[in-house]
Amino acid sequence: MTQNIETHLAQIQLNSITVVDLTARFLPGMVKAGHDLVINIASTAAFQPTPSMAVYGATKAFVLSFTEALWQETREAGVRVLTVCPGPTETEFFARSGEQFMSEARQTPKQVVDAALSAVSKSTPTVVSGARNSLLACCYRFMPRRVMLKVTQRMMRPAAVH
């Protein structure tokens, strides 16, 4: 945990607490109306611990678990709920964080949006955008934890370190 505690707490506030707060404010009206759509953005970081980005990965795992539970809770109410799990995406996130990992495998925001819109019509709680990201998310389920941590740590290093 290389960042200061204020940065970590702000990340928890934004990525987890705000998601719960907004959901609590809007979901009851959606359920009452018997229709609508909730899309929460997690990350492929939700599927495994993320060395060097521990708090970020933990918050995204929270979003994934929370949103999948909502998917089940609201199925009969007519509200569709979807978790979108993009992998590394060309956004300001990387510019702000200074992270350089996986620069060759990043998606465009349009690719992520296209995957999300495609998944909206399906009865699925989660979509992982991109074939490579889907494969990795699936593989992590079957890897021993120690192996997963080593693989993930290697992937999280800047390209020059590999």
N, C-alpha and C. Protein backbone atom coordinates (compact mmCIF):
# COMPACT_ATOMS: atom_id res chain seq x y z
N MET A 1 0.86 -1.17 0.00
CA MET A 1 0.00 0.00 0.00
C MET A 1 0.90 1.23 0.00
N THR A 2 1.16 1.71 -1.19
CA THR A 2 2.12 2.80 -1.34
C THR A 2 1.48 4.18 -1.24
N GLN A 3 0.18 4.28 -1.41
CA GLN A 3 -0.47 5.59 -1.34
C GLN A 3 -0.82 5.91 0.11
N ASN A 4 -1.11 7.18 0.37
CA ASN A 4 -1.46 7.56 1.74
C ASN A 4 -2.88 7.12 2.06
N ILE A 5 -3.18 7.08 3.34
CA ILE A 5 -4.48 6.57 3.80
C ILE A 5 -5.64 7.41 3.26
N GLU A 6 -5.46 8.70 3.12
CA GLU A 6 -6.54 9.54 2.60
C GLU A 6 -6.92 9.14 1.17
N THR A 7 -5.93 8.79 0.38
CA THR A 7 -6.18 8.34 -0.99
C THR A 7 -6.96 7.03 -0.98
N HIS A 8 -6.57 6.12 -0.11
CA HIS A 8 -7.27 4.83 -0.02
C HIS A 8 -8.72 5.03 0.44
N LEU A 9 -8.91 5.85 1.45
CA LEU A 9 -10.27 6.08 1.96
C LEU A 9 -11.14 6.77 0.91
N ALA A 10 -10.56 7.69 0.15
CA ALA A 10 -11.31 8.34 -0.93
C ALA A 10 -11.71 7.33 -2.00
N GLN A 11 -10.82 6.40 -2.28
CA GLN A 11 -11.12 5.36 -3.27
C GLN A 11 -12.25 4.45 -2.78
N ILE A 12 -12.23 4.09 -1.51
CA ILE A 12 -13.31 3.29 -0.92
C ILE A 12 -14.62 4.07 -0.97
N GLN A 13 -14.56 5.34 -0.63
CA GLN A 13 -15.76 6.18 -0.67
C GLN A 13 -16.36 6.22 -2.08
N LEU A 14 -15.54 6.49 -3.07
CA LEU A 14 -16.02 6.62 -4.44
C LEU A 14 -16.48 5.28 -5.02
N ASN A 15 -15.66 4.26 -4.90
CA ASN A 15 -15.92 3.00 -5.59
C ASN A 15 -16.90 2.09 -4.87
N SER A 16 -17.06 2.23 -3.57
CA SER A 16 -17.93 1.31 -2.83
C SER A 16 -19.10 2.03 -2.16
N ILE A 17 -18.79 2.95 -1.27
CA ILE A 17 -19.85 3.60 -0.50
C ILE A 17 -20.79 4.38 -1.39
N THR A 18 -20.27 5.10 -2.36
CA THR A 18 -21.12 5.87 -3.27
C THR A 18 -22.02 4.96 -4.10
N VAL A 19 -21.51 3.80 -4.49
CA VAL A 19 -22.33 2.84 -5.25
C VAL A 19 -23.53 2.39 -4.41
N VAL A 20 -23.29 2.07 -3.14
CA VAL A 20 -24.37 1.65 -2.25
C VAL A 20 -25.34 2.81 -2.02
N ASP A 21 -24.81 3.99 -1.78
CA ASP A 21 -25.65 5.16 -1.53
C ASP A 21 -26.57 5.46 -2.71
N LEU A 22 -26.01 5.52 -3.91
CA LEU A 22 -26.83 5.81 -5.09
C LEU A 22 -27.86 4.71 -5.35
N THR A 23 -27.45 3.48 -5.14
CA THR A 23 -28.38 2.37 -5.32
C THR A 23 -29.53 2.47 -4.33
N ALA A 24 -29.22 2.74 -3.07
CA ALA A 24 -30.26 2.86 -2.04
C ALA A 24 -31.22 4.01 -2.35
N ARG A 25 -30.72 5.05 -2.97
CA ARG A 25 -31.57 6.19 -3.30
C ARG A 25 -32.49 5.94 -4.50
N PHE A 26 -32.00 5.21 -5.50
CA PHE A 26 -32.75 5.07 -6.75
C PHE A 26 -33.44 3.72 -6.94
N LEU A 27 -32.92 2.67 -6.38
CA LEU A 27 -33.48 1.34 -6.62
C LEU A 27 -34.93 1.19 -6.14
N PRO A 28 -35.31 1.70 -4.97
CA PRO A 28 -36.70 1.53 -4.55
C PRO A 28 -37.71 2.07 -5.56
N GLY A 29 -37.44 3.22 -6.16
CA GLY A 29 -38.33 3.77 -7.18
C GLY A 29 -38.38 2.90 -8.42
N MET A 30 -37.25 2.32 -8.77
CA MET A 30 -37.20 1.43 -9.93
C MET A 30 -38.02 0.17 -9.66
N VAL A 31 -37.88 -0.38 -8.46
CA VAL A 31 -38.64 -1.58 -8.10
C VAL A 31 -40.14 -1.26 -8.09
N LYS A 32 -40.49 -0.11 -7.54
CA LYS A 32 -41.90 0.29 -7.50
C LYS A 32 -42.47 0.43 -8.91
N ALA A 33 -41.67 0.98 -9.82
CA ALA A 33 -42.11 1.14 -11.21
C ALA A 33 -42.14 -0.20 -11.94
N GLY A 34 -41.41 -1.17 -11.45
CA GLY A 34 -41.41 -2.49 -12.06
C GLY A 34 -40.54 -2.61 -13.30
N HIS A 35 -39.67 -1.64 -13.49
CA HIS A 35 -38.76 -1.71 -14.64
C HIS A 35 -37.62 -0.73 -14.41
N ASP A 36 -36.62 -0.84 -15.17
CA ASP A 36 -35.48 0.08 -15.23
C ASP A 36 -34.20 -0.73 -15.25
N LEU A 37 -33.09 -0.04 -15.22
CA LEU A 37 -31.79 -0.68 -15.40
C LEU A 37 -30.76 -0.03 -14.50
N VAL A 38 -30.01 -0.87 -13.79
CA VAL A 38 -28.87 -0.42 -12.99
C VAL A 38 -27.63 -1.04 -13.61
N ILE A 39 -26.65 -0.21 -13.94
CA ILE A 39 -25.36 -0.71 -14.41
C ILE A 39 -24.29 -0.16 -13.48
N ASN A 40 -23.56 -1.07 -12.86
CA ASN A 40 -22.42 -0.68 -12.03
C ASN A 40 -21.14 -1.15 -12.69
N ILE A 41 -20.12 -0.32 -12.59
CA ILE A 41 -18.84 -0.63 -13.21
C ILE A 41 -17.89 -1.19 -12.16
N ALA A 42 -17.50 -2.43 -12.35
CA ALA A 42 -16.48 -3.05 -11.50
C ALA A 42 -15.19 -3.03 -12.32
N SER A 43 -14.55 -4.16 -12.45
CA SER A 43 -13.29 -4.25 -13.18
C SER A 43 -12.87 -5.70 -13.20
N THR A 44 -12.00 -6.05 -14.12
CA THR A 44 -11.42 -7.39 -14.06
C THR A 44 -10.57 -7.53 -12.80
N ALA A 45 -10.20 -6.42 -12.18
CA ALA A 45 -9.50 -6.46 -10.90
C ALA A 45 -10.36 -7.06 -9.80
N ALA A 46 -11.66 -7.19 -10.03
CA ALA A 46 -12.57 -7.77 -9.04
C ALA A 46 -12.40 -9.28 -8.90
N PHE A 47 -11.77 -9.92 -9.86
CA PHE A 47 -11.70 -11.37 -9.88
C PHE A 47 -10.48 -11.95 -9.17
N GLN A 48 -9.55 -11.09 -8.76
CA GLN A 48 -8.36 -11.58 -8.08
C GLN A 48 -7.75 -10.45 -7.27
N PRO A 49 -6.95 -10.78 -6.26
CA PRO A 49 -6.24 -9.72 -5.55
C PRO A 49 -5.30 -8.99 -6.51
N THR A 50 -5.10 -7.71 -6.29
CA THR A 50 -4.29 -6.92 -7.21
C THR A 50 -3.11 -6.28 -6.48
N PRO A 51 -1.98 -6.99 -6.40
CA PRO A 51 -0.80 -6.40 -5.76
C PRO A 51 -0.44 -5.07 -6.43
N SER A 52 -0.10 -4.11 -5.66
CA SER A 52 0.24 -2.73 -6.01
C SER A 52 -0.99 -1.86 -6.22
N MET A 53 -2.17 -2.47 -6.23
CA MET A 53 -3.43 -1.72 -6.31
C MET A 53 -4.46 -2.41 -5.41
N ALA A 54 -4.05 -2.75 -4.18
CA ALA A 54 -4.85 -3.58 -3.29
C ALA A 54 -6.22 -2.98 -2.99
N VAL A 55 -6.27 -1.72 -2.65
CA VAL A 55 -7.55 -1.10 -2.29
C VAL A 55 -8.45 -0.99 -3.50
N TYR A 56 -7.90 -0.60 -4.63
CA TYR A 56 -8.70 -0.52 -5.86
C TYR A 56 -9.34 -1.87 -6.17
N GLY A 57 -8.54 -2.93 -6.19
CA GLY A 57 -9.07 -4.26 -6.48
C GLY A 57 -10.13 -4.69 -5.48
N ALA A 58 -9.90 -4.39 -4.21
CA ALA A 58 -10.88 -4.75 -3.18
C ALA A 58 -12.20 -4.02 -3.38
N THR A 59 -12.13 -2.74 -3.76
CA THR A 59 -13.38 -2.01 -3.98
C THR A 59 -14.13 -2.54 -5.19
N LYS A 60 -13.41 -2.96 -6.20
CA LYS A 60 -14.07 -3.49 -7.39
C LYS A 60 -14.65 -4.87 -7.12
N ALA A 61 -14.01 -5.67 -6.26
CA ALA A 61 -14.57 -6.95 -5.84
C ALA A 61 -15.87 -6.71 -5.07
N PHE A 62 -15.90 -5.66 -4.26
CA PHE A 62 -17.11 -5.29 -3.55
C PHE A 62 -18.23 -4.95 -4.53
N VAL A 63 -17.93 -4.13 -5.52
CA VAL A 63 -18.95 -3.73 -6.50
C VAL A 63 -19.49 -4.96 -7.23
N LEU A 64 -18.62 -5.88 -7.60
CA LEU A 64 -19.06 -7.10 -8.29
C LEU A 64 -20.00 -7.91 -7.41
N SER A 65 -19.60 -8.17 -6.18
CA SER A 65 -20.42 -8.98 -5.27
C SER A 65 -21.74 -8.28 -4.96
N PHE A 66 -21.70 -7.01 -4.66
CA PHE A 66 -22.89 -6.22 -4.34
C PHE A 66 -23.87 -6.22 -5.51
N THR A 67 -23.38 -5.97 -6.70
CA THR A 67 -24.26 -5.85 -7.86
C THR A 67 -24.82 -7.20 -8.27
N GLU A 68 -24.03 -8.25 -8.19
CA GLU A 68 -24.58 -9.58 -8.50
C GLU A 68 -25.66 -9.97 -7.50
N ALA A 69 -25.50 -9.62 -6.23
CA ALA A 69 -26.55 -9.89 -5.25
C ALA A 69 -27.82 -9.10 -5.59
N LEU A 70 -27.66 -7.85 -5.99
CA LEU A 70 -28.82 -7.04 -6.41
C LEU A 70 -29.51 -7.65 -7.63
N TRP A 71 -28.73 -8.18 -8.55
CA TRP A 71 -29.29 -8.83 -9.74
C TRP A 71 -30.28 -9.91 -9.30
N GLN A 72 -29.87 -10.73 -8.35
CA GLN A 72 -30.75 -11.80 -7.88
C GLN A 72 -31.95 -11.24 -7.11
N GLU A 73 -31.71 -10.27 -6.26
CA GLU A 73 -32.78 -9.70 -5.43
C GLU A 73 -33.86 -9.01 -6.26
N THR A 74 -33.51 -8.46 -7.41
CA THR A 74 -34.47 -7.66 -8.18
C THR A 74 -35.01 -8.38 -9.42
N ARG A 75 -34.63 -9.62 -9.62
CA ARG A 75 -35.03 -10.32 -10.85
C ARG A 75 -36.54 -10.35 -11.04
N GLU A 76 -37.27 -10.62 -9.98
CA GLU A 76 -38.72 -10.73 -10.12
C GLU A 76 -39.42 -9.38 -10.06
N ALA A 77 -38.69 -8.32 -9.76
CA ALA A 77 -39.27 -6.98 -9.68
C ALA A 77 -39.26 -6.26 -11.02
N GLY A 78 -38.62 -6.88 -12.03
CA GLY A 78 -38.58 -6.26 -13.35
C GLY A 78 -37.44 -5.28 -13.55
N VAL A 79 -36.57 -5.17 -12.57
CA VAL A 79 -35.42 -4.28 -12.69
C VAL A 79 -34.23 -5.10 -13.16
N ARG A 80 -33.60 -4.65 -14.22
CA ARG A 80 -32.40 -5.34 -14.71
C ARG A 80 -31.18 -4.72 -14.04
N VAL A 81 -30.27 -5.58 -13.63
CA VAL A 81 -29.05 -5.14 -12.95
C VAL A 81 -27.88 -5.81 -13.65
N LEU A 82 -26.85 -5.03 -13.93
CA LEU A 82 -25.69 -5.55 -14.65
C LEU A 82 -24.40 -5.00 -14.05
N THR A 83 -23.44 -5.88 -13.86
CA THR A 83 -22.09 -5.47 -13.49
C THR A 83 -21.24 -5.54 -14.75
N VAL A 84 -20.57 -4.46 -15.07
CA VAL A 84 -19.64 -4.43 -16.20
C VAL A 84 -18.23 -4.49 -15.64
N CYS A 85 -17.45 -5.45 -16.13
CA CYS A 85 -16.08 -5.64 -15.67
C CYS A 85 -15.11 -5.45 -16.83
N PRO A 86 -14.74 -4.20 -17.09
CA PRO A 86 -13.74 -3.98 -18.14
C PRO A 86 -12.35 -4.30 -17.62
N GLY A 87 -11.48 -4.61 -18.54
CA GLY A 87 -10.07 -4.72 -18.19
C GLY A 87 -9.45 -3.34 -18.34
N PRO A 88 -8.14 -3.27 -18.46
CA PRO A 88 -7.50 -1.97 -18.65
C PRO A 88 -8.10 -1.24 -19.86
N THR A 89 -8.50 -0.01 -19.63
CA THR A 89 -9.19 0.78 -20.65
C THR A 89 -8.51 2.14 -20.76
N GLU A 90 -8.37 2.62 -21.98
CA GLU A 90 -7.73 3.92 -22.22
C GLU A 90 -8.60 5.05 -21.67
N THR A 91 -8.37 5.40 -20.42
CA THR A 91 -9.08 6.51 -19.78
C THR A 91 -8.08 7.35 -18.99
N GLU A 92 -8.58 8.38 -18.34
CA GLU A 92 -7.73 9.24 -17.51
C GLU A 92 -7.24 8.51 -16.26
N PHE A 93 -7.84 7.36 -15.93
CA PHE A 93 -7.41 6.59 -14.76
C PHE A 93 -5.91 6.35 -14.81
N PHE A 94 -5.41 5.91 -15.96
CA PHE A 94 -3.99 5.60 -16.07
C PHE A 94 -3.13 6.85 -15.99
N ALA A 95 -3.60 7.93 -16.56
CA ALA A 95 -2.84 9.19 -16.49
C ALA A 95 -2.72 9.66 -15.04
N ARG A 96 -3.82 9.58 -14.29
CA ARG A 96 -3.81 10.01 -12.89
C ARG A 96 -3.02 9.07 -12.00
N SER A 97 -3.17 7.77 -12.22
CA SER A 97 -2.52 6.79 -11.34
C SER A 97 -1.05 6.61 -11.68
N GLY A 98 -0.68 6.95 -12.90
CA GLY A 98 0.69 6.74 -13.32
C GLY A 98 1.00 5.30 -13.67
N GLU A 99 0.00 4.43 -13.67
CA GLU A 99 0.20 3.01 -13.98
C GLU A 99 0.45 2.83 -15.47
N GLN A 100 1.42 2.02 -15.81
CA GLN A 100 1.76 1.76 -17.21
C GLN A 100 1.51 0.32 -17.62
N PHE A 101 1.00 -0.50 -16.69
CA PHE A 101 0.86 -1.92 -17.00
C PHE A 101 -0.16 -2.19 -18.10
N MET A 102 0.08 -3.21 -18.84
CA MET A 102 -0.81 -3.72 -19.89
C MET A 102 -1.19 -2.66 -20.92
N SER A 103 -0.30 -1.75 -21.21
CA SER A 103 -0.63 -0.69 -22.17
C SER A 103 -0.93 -1.26 -23.55
N GLU A 104 -0.36 -2.40 -23.89
CA GLU A 104 -0.60 -3.00 -25.21
C GLU A 104 -1.95 -3.72 -25.29
N ALA A 105 -2.59 -3.97 -24.15
CA ALA A 105 -3.84 -4.74 -24.15
C ALA A 105 -5.04 -3.91 -23.73
N ARG A 106 -4.91 -2.61 -23.69
CA ARG A 106 -6.01 -1.78 -23.22
C ARG A 106 -7.12 -1.69 -24.26
N GLN A 107 -8.34 -1.62 -23.75
CA GLN A 107 -9.52 -1.45 -24.60
C GLN A 107 -9.83 0.03 -24.74
N THR A 108 -10.65 0.33 -25.73
CA THR A 108 -11.17 1.69 -25.84
C THR A 108 -12.46 1.77 -25.03
N PRO A 109 -12.84 2.95 -24.59
CA PRO A 109 -14.12 3.09 -23.91
C PRO A 109 -15.29 2.58 -24.77
N LYS A 110 -15.23 2.78 -26.07
CA LYS A 110 -16.30 2.31 -26.96
C LYS A 110 -16.44 0.79 -26.89
N GLN A 111 -15.34 0.08 -26.84
CA GLN A 111 -15.40 -1.38 -26.75
C GLN A 111 -16.10 -1.82 -25.45
N VAL A 112 -15.83 -1.12 -24.38
CA VAL A 112 -16.46 -1.44 -23.09
C VAL A 112 -17.96 -1.15 -23.15
N VAL A 113 -18.31 0.00 -23.69
CA VAL A 113 -19.73 0.37 -23.80
C VAL A 113 -20.47 -0.61 -24.71
N ASP A 114 -19.87 -0.98 -25.81
CA ASP A 114 -20.50 -1.95 -26.72
C ASP A 114 -20.77 -3.27 -26.01
N ALA A 115 -19.82 -3.74 -25.21
CA ALA A 115 -20.01 -4.99 -24.47
C ALA A 115 -21.15 -4.85 -23.46
N ALA A 116 -21.20 -3.71 -22.78
CA ALA A 116 -22.26 -3.47 -21.80
C ALA A 116 -23.63 -3.43 -22.47
N LEU A 117 -23.74 -2.69 -23.56
CA LEU A 117 -25.03 -2.59 -24.25
C LEU A 117 -25.47 -3.93 -24.80
N SER A 118 -24.54 -4.72 -25.27
CA SER A 118 -24.86 -6.05 -25.76
C SER A 118 -25.39 -6.94 -24.63
N ALA A 119 -24.84 -6.78 -23.44
CA ALA A 119 -25.23 -7.62 -22.30
C ALA A 119 -26.56 -7.21 -21.68
N VAL A 120 -26.98 -5.96 -21.90
CA VAL A 120 -28.21 -5.47 -21.29
C VAL A 120 -29.40 -6.34 -21.69
N SER A 121 -29.45 -6.78 -22.92
CA SER A 121 -30.59 -7.57 -23.39
C SER A 121 -30.55 -9.02 -22.93
N LYS A 122 -29.44 -9.43 -22.35
CA LYS A 122 -29.32 -10.81 -21.87
C LYS A 122 -29.63 -10.86 -20.38
N SER A 123 -30.02 -12.01 -19.93
CA SER A 123 -30.31 -12.17 -18.50
C SER A 123 -29.06 -12.65 -17.79
N THR A 124 -28.09 -11.78 -17.69
CA THR A 124 -26.83 -12.13 -17.05
C THR A 124 -26.47 -11.07 -16.03
N PRO A 125 -25.91 -11.47 -14.89
CA PRO A 125 -25.57 -10.46 -13.88
C PRO A 125 -24.28 -9.71 -14.18
N THR A 126 -23.41 -10.29 -15.01
CA THR A 126 -22.08 -9.72 -15.20
C THR A 126 -21.61 -9.90 -16.63
N VAL A 127 -20.92 -8.88 -17.14
CA VAL A 127 -20.25 -9.01 -18.42
C VAL A 127 -18.80 -8.56 -18.24
N VAL A 128 -17.90 -9.34 -18.77
CA VAL A 128 -16.49 -8.98 -18.82
C VAL A 128 -16.22 -8.58 -20.26
N SER A 129 -15.77 -7.36 -20.47
CA SER A 129 -15.56 -6.89 -21.84
C SER A 129 -14.23 -7.37 -22.38
N GLY A 130 -14.27 -7.89 -23.60
CA GLY A 130 -13.06 -8.34 -24.27
C GLY A 130 -12.78 -9.82 -24.06
N ALA A 131 -12.43 -10.50 -25.13
CA ALA A 131 -12.18 -11.95 -25.07
C ALA A 131 -11.00 -12.27 -24.15
N ARG A 132 -9.94 -11.50 -24.25
CA ARG A 132 -8.76 -11.75 -23.41
C ARG A 132 -9.11 -11.58 -21.93
N ASN A 133 -9.86 -10.54 -21.62
CA ASN A 133 -10.27 -10.29 -20.24
C ASN A 133 -11.19 -11.39 -19.72
N SER A 134 -12.11 -11.84 -20.57
CA SER A 134 -13.01 -12.93 -20.18
C SER A 134 -12.25 -14.21 -19.87
N LEU A 135 -11.27 -14.50 -20.71
CA LEU A 135 -10.45 -15.69 -20.50
C LEU A 135 -9.68 -15.60 -19.18
N LEU A 136 -9.07 -14.46 -18.93
CA LEU A 136 -8.32 -14.29 -17.68
C LEU A 136 -9.24 -14.41 -16.46
N ALA A 137 -10.40 -13.77 -16.52
CA ALA A 137 -11.34 -13.84 -15.39
C ALA A 137 -11.76 -15.28 -15.12
N CYS A 138 -11.96 -16.04 -16.18
CA CYS A 138 -12.33 -17.45 -16.04
C CYS A 138 -11.17 -18.26 -15.46
N CYS A 139 -9.98 -18.03 -15.96
CA CYS A 139 -8.80 -18.78 -15.49
C CYS A 139 -8.53 -18.54 -14.01
N TYR A 140 -8.74 -17.31 -13.56
CA TYR A 140 -8.47 -17.00 -12.15
C TYR A 140 -9.31 -17.86 -11.21
N ARG A 141 -10.48 -18.27 -11.64
CA ARG A 141 -11.34 -19.10 -10.78
C ARG A 141 -10.73 -20.45 -10.46
N PHE A 142 -9.85 -20.91 -11.33
CA PHE A 142 -9.30 -22.25 -11.18
C PHE A 142 -7.85 -22.28 -10.73
N MET A 143 -7.22 -21.12 -10.65
CA MET A 143 -5.81 -21.06 -10.26
C MET A 143 -5.67 -21.16 -8.74
N PRO A 144 -4.64 -21.85 -8.28
CA PRO A 144 -4.33 -21.77 -6.85
C PRO A 144 -4.03 -20.31 -6.48
N ARG A 145 -4.42 -19.89 -5.30
CA ARG A 145 -4.30 -18.49 -4.90
C ARG A 145 -2.85 -17.98 -4.99
N ARG A 146 -1.89 -18.79 -4.56
CA ARG A 146 -0.50 -18.35 -4.60
C ARG A 146 -0.04 -18.10 -6.03
N VAL A 147 -0.44 -18.98 -6.94
CA VAL A 147 -0.08 -18.81 -8.35
C VAL A 147 -0.76 -17.56 -8.90
N MET A 148 -2.03 -17.39 -8.56
CA MET A 148 -2.78 -16.23 -9.03
C MET A 148 -2.11 -14.93 -8.58
N LEU A 149 -1.67 -14.88 -7.34
CA LEU A 149 -1.02 -13.68 -6.83
C LEU A 149 0.28 -13.38 -7.56
N LYS A 150 1.05 -14.41 -7.86
CA LYS A 150 2.31 -14.20 -8.59
C LYS A 150 2.04 -13.72 -10.01
N VAL A 151 1.07 -14.36 -10.67
CA VAL A 151 0.72 -13.96 -12.04
C VAL A 151 0.21 -12.52 -12.06
N THR A 152 -0.67 -12.21 -11.14
CA THR A 152 -1.24 -10.86 -11.10
C THR A 152 -0.17 -9.82 -10.79
N GLN A 153 0.71 -10.12 -9.86
CA GLN A 153 1.78 -9.17 -9.55
C GLN A 153 2.65 -8.91 -10.78
N ARG A 154 2.94 -9.95 -11.51
CA ARG A 154 3.76 -9.78 -12.72
C ARG A 154 3.02 -8.93 -13.76
N MET A 155 1.72 -9.16 -13.91
CA MET A 155 0.93 -8.38 -14.87
C MET A 155 0.83 -6.91 -14.48
N MET A 156 0.85 -6.64 -13.18
CA MET A 156 0.66 -5.27 -12.69
C MET A 156 1.93 -4.43 -12.79
N ARG A 157 3.05 -5.05 -13.02
CA ARG A 157 4.31 -4.30 -13.14
C ARG A 157 4.33 -3.53 -14.45
N PRO A 158 4.99 -2.39 -14.45
CA PRO A 158 5.15 -1.65 -15.72
C PRO A 158 5.88 -2.51 -16.74
N ALA A 159 5.62 -2.29 -18.01
CA ALA A 159 6.18 -3.10 -19.10
C ALA A 159 7.70 -3.15 -19.04
N ALA A 160 8.36 -2.10 -18.65
CA ALA A 160 9.82 -2.07 -18.63
C ALA A 160 10.41 -3.02 -17.58
N VAL A 161 9.63 -3.39 -16.58
CA VAL A 161 10.11 -4.24 -15.50
C VAL A 161 10.09 -5.71 -15.92
N HIS A 162 9.22 -6.10 -16.86
CA HIS A 162 9.06 -7.51 -17.24
C HIS A 162 10.33 -8.07 -17.78
